[in-house]
Amino acid sequence: MSTKDKIAATAKNIEGKAQAAVGEMTGNPEQKAEGNLKQTEAKIEHETENLKDKAKKIID
């Protein structure tokens, strides 16, 4: 996983956690859902990059 992609996915995860927490505290279910979505997207990005790394190791 490239460092740039890892940092971007981690930043998206942190942003999503913060947004979900604010949505929870303010009683805004839409904001909470958007934050949870960002966290899920970040997890998918991490898993995609991990699969790319594994494929590259197999090929090399």
PDB file of N, CA and C in Angstrom:
ATOM      1  N   MET A   1       0.866  -1.179   0.000  1.00  0.00           N
ATOM      2  CA  MET A   1       0.000   0.000   0.000  1.00  0.00           C
ATOM      3  C   MET A   1       0.897   1.220   0.000  1.00  0.00           C
ATOM      4  N   SER A   2       0.632   2.105  -0.936  1.00  0.00           N
ATOM      5  CA  SER A   2       1.458   3.299  -0.977  1.00  0.00           C
ATOM      6  C   SER A   2       1.176   4.167   0.251  1.00  0.00           C
ATOM      7  N   THR A   3       2.182   4.843   0.673  1.00  0.00           N
ATOM      8  CA  THR A   3       2.056   5.691   1.859  1.00  0.00           C
ATOM      9  C   THR A   3       0.987   6.759   1.651  1.00  0.00           C
ATOM     10  N   LYS A   4       0.945   7.316   0.449  1.00  0.00           N
ATOM     11  CA  LYS A   4      -0.040   8.360   0.141  1.00  0.00           C
ATOM     12  C   LYS A   4      -1.465   7.820   0.285  1.00  0.00           C
ATOM     13  N   ASP A   5      -1.708   6.631  -0.262  1.00  0.00           N
ATOM     14  CA  ASP A   5      -3.042   6.037  -0.180  1.00  0.00           C
ATOM     15  C   ASP A   5      -3.400   5.672   1.259  1.00  0.00           C
ATOM     16  N   LYS A   6      -2.427   5.184   1.989  1.00  0.00           N
ATOM     17  CA  LYS A   6      -2.661   4.811   3.385  1.00  0.00           C
ATOM     18  C   LYS A   6      -3.029   6.037   4.220  1.00  0.00           C
ATOM     19  N   ILE A   7      -2.310   7.119   4.018  1.00  0.00           N
ATOM     20  CA  ILE A   7      -2.593   8.359   4.752  1.00  0.00           C
ATOM     21  C   ILE A   7      -3.980   8.892   4.386  1.00  0.00           C
ATOM     22  N   ALA A   8      -4.309   8.848   3.101  1.00  0.00           N
ATOM     23  CA  ALA A   8      -5.615   9.347   2.655  1.00  0.00           C
ATOM     24  C   ALA A   8      -6.748   8.523   3.260  1.00  0.00           C
ATOM     25  N   ALA A   9      -6.603   7.203   3.268  1.00  0.00           N
ATOM     26  CA  ALA A   9      -7.646   6.346   3.829  1.00  0.00           C
ATOM     27  C   ALA A   9      -7.763   6.553   5.338  1.00  0.00           C
ATOM     28  N   THR A  10      -6.645   6.705   6.010  1.00  0.00           N
ATOM     29  CA  THR A  10      -6.660   6.931   7.455  1.00  0.00           C
ATOM     30  C   THR A  10      -7.310   8.278   7.779  1.00  0.00           C
ATOM     31  N   ALA A  11      -6.996   9.288   6.987  1.00  0.00           N
ATOM     32  CA  ALA A  11      -7.602  10.607   7.194  1.00  0.00           C
ATOM     33  C   ALA A  11      -9.113  10.546   6.988  1.00  0.00           C
ATOM     34  N   LYS A  12      -9.548   9.808   5.963  1.00  0.00           N
ATOM     35  CA  LYS A  12     -10.988   9.674   5.710  1.00  0.00           C
ATOM     36  C   LYS A  12     -11.665   8.961   6.872  1.00  0.00           C
ATOM     37  N   ASN A  13     -10.992   7.948   7.429  1.00  0.00           N
ATOM     38  CA  ASN A  13     -11.545   7.220   8.568  1.00  0.00           C
ATOM     39  C   ASN A  13     -11.697   8.136   9.780  1.00  0.00           C
ATOM     40  N   ILE A  14     -10.681   8.923  10.064  1.00  0.00           N
ATOM     41  CA  ILE A  14     -10.721   9.844  11.203  1.00  0.00           C
ATOM     42  C   ILE A  14     -11.816  10.890  10.994  1.00  0.00           C
ATOM     43  N   GLU A  15     -11.901  11.412   9.782  1.00  0.00           N
ATOM     44  CA  GLU A  15     -12.940  12.396   9.466  1.00  0.00           C
ATOM     45  C   GLU A  15     -14.326  11.782   9.664  1.00  0.00           C
ATOM     46  N   GLY A  16     -14.490  10.547   9.229  1.00  0.00           N
ATOM     47  CA  GLY A  16     -15.771   9.869   9.391  1.00  0.00           C
ATOM     48  C   GLY A  16     -16.126   9.635  10.842  1.00  0.00           C
ATOM     49  N   LYS A  17     -15.138   9.256  11.644  1.00  0.00           N
ATOM     50  CA  LYS A  17     -15.394   9.052  13.074  1.00  0.00           C
ATOM     51  C   LYS A  17     -15.826  10.347  13.738  1.00  0.00           C
ATOM     52  N   ALA A  18     -15.142  11.434  13.396  1.00  0.00           N
ATOM     53  CA  ALA A  18     -15.487  12.729  13.976  1.00  0.00           C
ATOM     54  C   ALA A  18     -16.888  13.157  13.544  1.00  0.00           C
ATOM     55  N   GLN A  19     -17.195  12.979  12.276  1.00  0.00           N
ATOM     56  CA  GLN A  19     -18.499  13.386  11.767  1.00  0.00           C
ATOM     57  C   GLN A  19     -19.607  12.550  12.402  1.00  0.00           C
ATOM     58  N   ALA A  20     -19.381  11.249  12.548  1.00  0.00           N
ATOM     59  CA  ALA A  20     -20.384  10.387  13.180  1.00  0.00           C
ATOM     60  C   ALA A  20     -20.592  10.782  14.636  1.00  0.00           C
ATOM     61  N   ALA A  21     -19.504  11.116  15.324  1.00  0.00           N
ATOM     62  CA  ALA A  21     -19.611  11.517  16.725  1.00  0.00           C
ATOM     63  C   ALA A  21     -20.399  12.822  16.872  1.00  0.00           C
ATOM     64  N   VAL A  22     -20.121  13.777  15.984  1.00  0.00           N
ATOM     65  CA  VAL A  22     -20.863  15.048  16.021  1.00  0.00           C
ATOM     66  C   VAL A  22     -22.337  14.787  15.728  1.00  0.00           C
ATOM     67  N   GLY A  23     -22.614  13.938  14.765  1.00  0.00           N
ATOM     68  CA  GLY A  23     -23.997  13.598  14.453  1.00  0.00           C
ATOM     69  C   GLY A  23     -24.704  12.949  15.632  1.00  0.00           C
ATOM     70  N   GLU A  24     -23.974  12.097  16.357  1.00  0.00           N
ATOM     71  CA  GLU A  24     -24.535  11.449  17.545  1.00  0.00           C
ATOM     72  C   GLU A  24     -24.819  12.474  18.644  1.00  0.00           C
ATOM     73  N   MET A  25     -23.861  13.368  18.868  1.00  0.00           N
ATOM     74  CA  MET A  25     -24.015  14.361  19.940  1.00  0.00           C
ATOM     75  C   MET A  25     -25.117  15.373  19.655  1.00  0.00           C
ATOM     76  N   THR A  26     -25.269  15.719  18.384  1.00  0.00           N
ATOM     77  CA  THR A  26     -26.257  16.735  18.032  1.00  0.00           C
ATOM     78  C   THR A  26     -27.615  16.135  17.668  1.00  0.00           C
ATOM     79  N   GLY A  27     -27.688  14.822  17.633  1.00  0.00           N
ATOM     80  CA  GLY A  27     -28.949  14.176  17.280  1.00  0.00           C
ATOM     81  C   GLY A  27     -29.276  14.288  15.802  1.00  0.00           C
ATOM     82  N   ASN A  28     -28.237  14.392  14.978  1.00  0.00           N
ATOM     83  CA  ASN A  28     -28.421  14.520  13.535  1.00  0.00           C
ATOM     84  C   ASN A  28     -28.113  13.175  12.872  1.00  0.00           C
ATOM     85  N   PRO A  29     -29.126  12.370  12.599  1.00  0.00           N
ATOM     86  CA  PRO A  29     -28.879  11.037  12.049  1.00  0.00           C
ATOM     87  C   PRO A  29     -28.255  11.058  10.657  1.00  0.00           C
ATOM     88  N   GLU A  30     -28.543  12.087   9.870  1.00  0.00           N
ATOM     89  CA  GLU A  30     -27.963  12.180   8.528  1.00  0.00           C
ATOM     90  C   GLU A  30     -26.446  12.370   8.612  1.00  0.00           C
ATOM     91  N   GLN A  31     -26.020  13.259   9.500  1.00  0.00           N
ATOM     92  CA  GLN A  31     -24.582  13.499   9.662  1.00  0.00           C
ATOM     93  C   GLN A  31     -23.886  12.255  10.213  1.00  0.00           C
ATOM     94  N   LYS A  32     -24.529  11.581  11.140  1.00  0.00           N
ATOM     95  CA  LYS A  32     -23.966  10.352  11.696  1.00  0.00           C
ATOM     96  C   LYS A  32     -23.818   9.297  10.599  1.00  0.00           C
ATOM     97  N   ALA A  33     -24.827   9.168   9.757  1.00  0.00           N
ATOM     98  CA  ALA A  33     -24.785   8.192   8.662  1.00  0.00           C
ATOM     99  C   ALA A  33     -23.680   8.524   7.661  1.00  0.00           C
ATOM    100  N   GLU A  34     -23.521   9.801   7.357  1.00  0.00           N
ATOM    101  CA  GLU A  34     -22.453  10.211   6.440  1.00  0.00           C
ATOM    102  C   GLU A  34     -21.078   9.886   7.025  1.00  0.00           C
ATOM    103  N   GLY A  35     -20.923  10.093   8.320  1.00  0.00           N
ATOM    104  CA  GLY A  35     -19.667   9.758   8.980  1.00  0.00           C
ATOM    105  C   GLY A  35     -19.406   8.266   8.945  1.00  0.00           C
ATOM    106  N   ASN A  36     -20.439   7.473   9.186  1.00  0.00           N
ATOM    107  CA  ASN A  36     -20.280   6.023   9.124  1.00  0.00           C
ATOM    108  C   ASN A  36     -19.936   5.561   7.708  1.00  0.00           C
ATOM    109  N   LEU A  37     -20.526   6.219   6.707  1.00  0.00           N
ATOM    110  CA  LEU A  37     -20.224   5.895   5.319  1.00  0.00           C
ATOM    111  C   LEU A  37     -18.758   6.172   5.005  1.00  0.00           C
ATOM    112  N   LYS A  38     -18.249   7.298   5.462  1.00  0.00           N
ATOM    113  CA  LYS A  38     -16.839   7.629   5.231  1.00  0.00           C
ATOM    114  C   LYS A  38     -15.926   6.586   5.867  1.00  0.00           C
ATOM    115  N   GLN A  39     -16.292   6.114   7.050  1.00  0.00           N
ATOM    116  CA  GLN A  39     -15.495   5.086   7.708  1.00  0.00           C
ATOM    117  C   GLN A  39     -15.500   3.797   6.894  1.00  0.00           C
ATOM    118  N   THR A  40     -16.647   3.443   6.356  1.00  0.00           N
ATOM    119  CA  THR A  40     -16.750   2.235   5.535  1.00  0.00           C
ATOM    120  C   THR A  40     -15.932   2.382   4.260  1.00  0.00           C
ATOM    121  N   GLU A  41     -16.009   3.545   3.632  1.00  0.00           N
ATOM    122  CA  GLU A  41     -15.211   3.791   2.430  1.00  0.00           C
ATOM    123  C   GLU A  41     -13.725   3.665   2.730  1.00  0.00           C
ATOM    124  N   ALA A  42     -13.293   4.197   3.855  1.00  0.00           N
ATOM    125  CA  ALA A  42     -11.885   4.115   4.237  1.00  0.00           C
ATOM    126  C   ALA A  42     -11.468   2.664   4.444  1.00  0.00           C
ATOM    127  N   LYS A  43     -12.323   1.879   5.071  1.00  0.00           N
ATOM    128  CA  LYS A  43     -12.012   0.460   5.291  1.00  0.00           C
ATOM    129  C   LYS A  43     -11.869  -0.265   3.951  1.00  0.00           C
ATOM    130  N   ILE A  44     -12.756   0.032   3.007  1.00  0.00           N
ATOM    131  CA  ILE A  44     -12.675  -0.584   1.685  1.00  0.00           C
ATOM    132  C   ILE A  44     -11.377  -0.185   0.986  1.00  0.00           C
ATOM    133  N   GLU A  45     -11.002   1.074   1.095  1.00  0.00           N
ATOM    134  CA  GLU A  45      -9.751   1.540   0.483  1.00  0.00           C
ATOM    135  C   GLU A  45      -8.556   0.810   1.083  1.00  0.00           C
ATOM    136  N   HIS A  46      -8.546   0.637   2.406  1.00  0.00           N
ATOM    137  CA  HIS A  46      -7.455  -0.088   3.054  1.00  0.00           C
ATOM    138  C   HIS A  46      -7.400  -1.528   2.562  1.00  0.00           C
ATOM    139  N   GLU A  47      -8.541  -2.189   2.514  1.00  0.00           N
ATOM    140  CA  GLU A  47      -8.585  -3.590   2.083  1.00  0.00           C
ATOM    141  C   GLU A  47      -8.172  -3.736   0.620  1.00  0.00           C
ATOM    142  N   THR A  48      -8.584  -2.798  -0.226  1.00  0.00           N
ATOM    143  CA  THR A  48      -8.200  -2.827  -1.634  1.00  0.00           C
ATOM    144  C   THR A  48      -6.690  -2.727  -1.778  1.00  0.00           C
ATOM    145  N   GLU A  49      -6.097  -1.814  -1.062  1.00  0.00           N
ATOM    146  CA  GLU A  49      -4.647  -1.650  -1.131  1.00  0.00           C
ATOM    147  C   GLU A  49      -3.917  -2.878  -0.568  1.00  0.00           C
ATOM    148  N   ASN A  50      -4.462  -3.469   0.487  1.00  0.00           N
ATOM    149  CA  ASN A  50      -3.852  -4.680   1.040  1.00  0.00           C
ATOM    150  C   ASN A  50      -3.891  -5.812   0.019  1.00  0.00           C
ATOM    151  N   LEU A  51      -5.004  -5.939  -0.707  1.00  0.00           N
ATOM    152  CA  LEU A  51      -5.101  -6.964  -1.742  1.00  0.00           C
ATOM    153  C   LEU A  51      -4.109  -6.702  -2.872  1.00  0.00           C
ATOM    154  N   LYS A  52      -3.936  -5.447  -3.229  1.00  0.00           N
ATOM    155  CA  LYS A  52      -2.945  -5.102  -4.256  1.00  0.00           C
ATOM    156  C   LYS A  52      -1.546  -5.508  -3.801  1.00  0.00           C
ATOM    157  N   ASP A  53      -1.232  -5.246  -2.535  1.00  0.00           N
ATOM    158  CA  ASP A  53       0.076  -5.616  -1.999  1.00  0.00           C
ATOM    159  C   ASP A  53       0.287  -7.117  -2.045  1.00  0.00           C
ATOM    160  N   LYS A  54      -0.752  -7.879  -1.654  1.00  0.00           N
ATOM    161  CA  LYS A  54      -0.652  -9.345  -1.677  1.00  0.00           C
ATOM    162  C   LYS A  54      -0.475  -9.858  -3.104  1.00  0.00           C
ATOM    163  N   ALA A  55      -1.224  -9.302  -4.038  1.00  0.00           N
ATOM    164  CA  ALA A  55      -1.099  -9.713  -5.438  1.00  0.00           C
ATOM    165  C   ALA A  55       0.294  -9.418  -5.962  1.00  0.00           C
ATOM    166  N   LYS A  56       0.820  -8.267  -5.589  1.00  0.00           N
ATOM    167  CA  LYS A  56       2.162  -7.892  -6.058  1.00  0.00           C
ATOM    168  C   LYS A  56       3.208  -8.858  -5.513  1.00  0.00           C
ATOM    169  N   LYS A  57       3.064  -9.268  -4.243  1.00  0.00           N
ATOM    170  CA  LYS A  57       4.014 -10.212  -3.654  1.00  0.00           C
ATOM    171  C   LYS A  57       3.961 -11.562  -4.369  1.00  0.00           C
ATOM    172  N   ILE A  58       2.763 -11.976  -4.753  1.00  0.00           N
ATOM    173  CA  ILE A  58       2.614 -13.246  -5.458  1.00  0.00           C
ATOM    174  C   ILE A  58       3.249 -13.174  -6.834  1.00  0.00           C
ATOM    175  N   ILE A  59       3.053 -12.059  -7.531  1.00  0.00           N
ATOM    176  CA  ILE A  59       3.593 -11.880  -8.865  1.00  0.00           C
ATOM    177  C   ILE A  59       5.109 -11.774  -8.833  1.00  0.00           C
ATOM    178  N   ASP A  60       5.622 -11.043  -7.846  1.00  0.00           N
ATOM    179  CA  ASP A  60       7.077 -10.846  -7.756  1.00  0.00           C
ATOM    180  C   ASP A  60       7.698 -12.081  -7.212  1.00  0.00           C
TER     181      ASP A  60
END
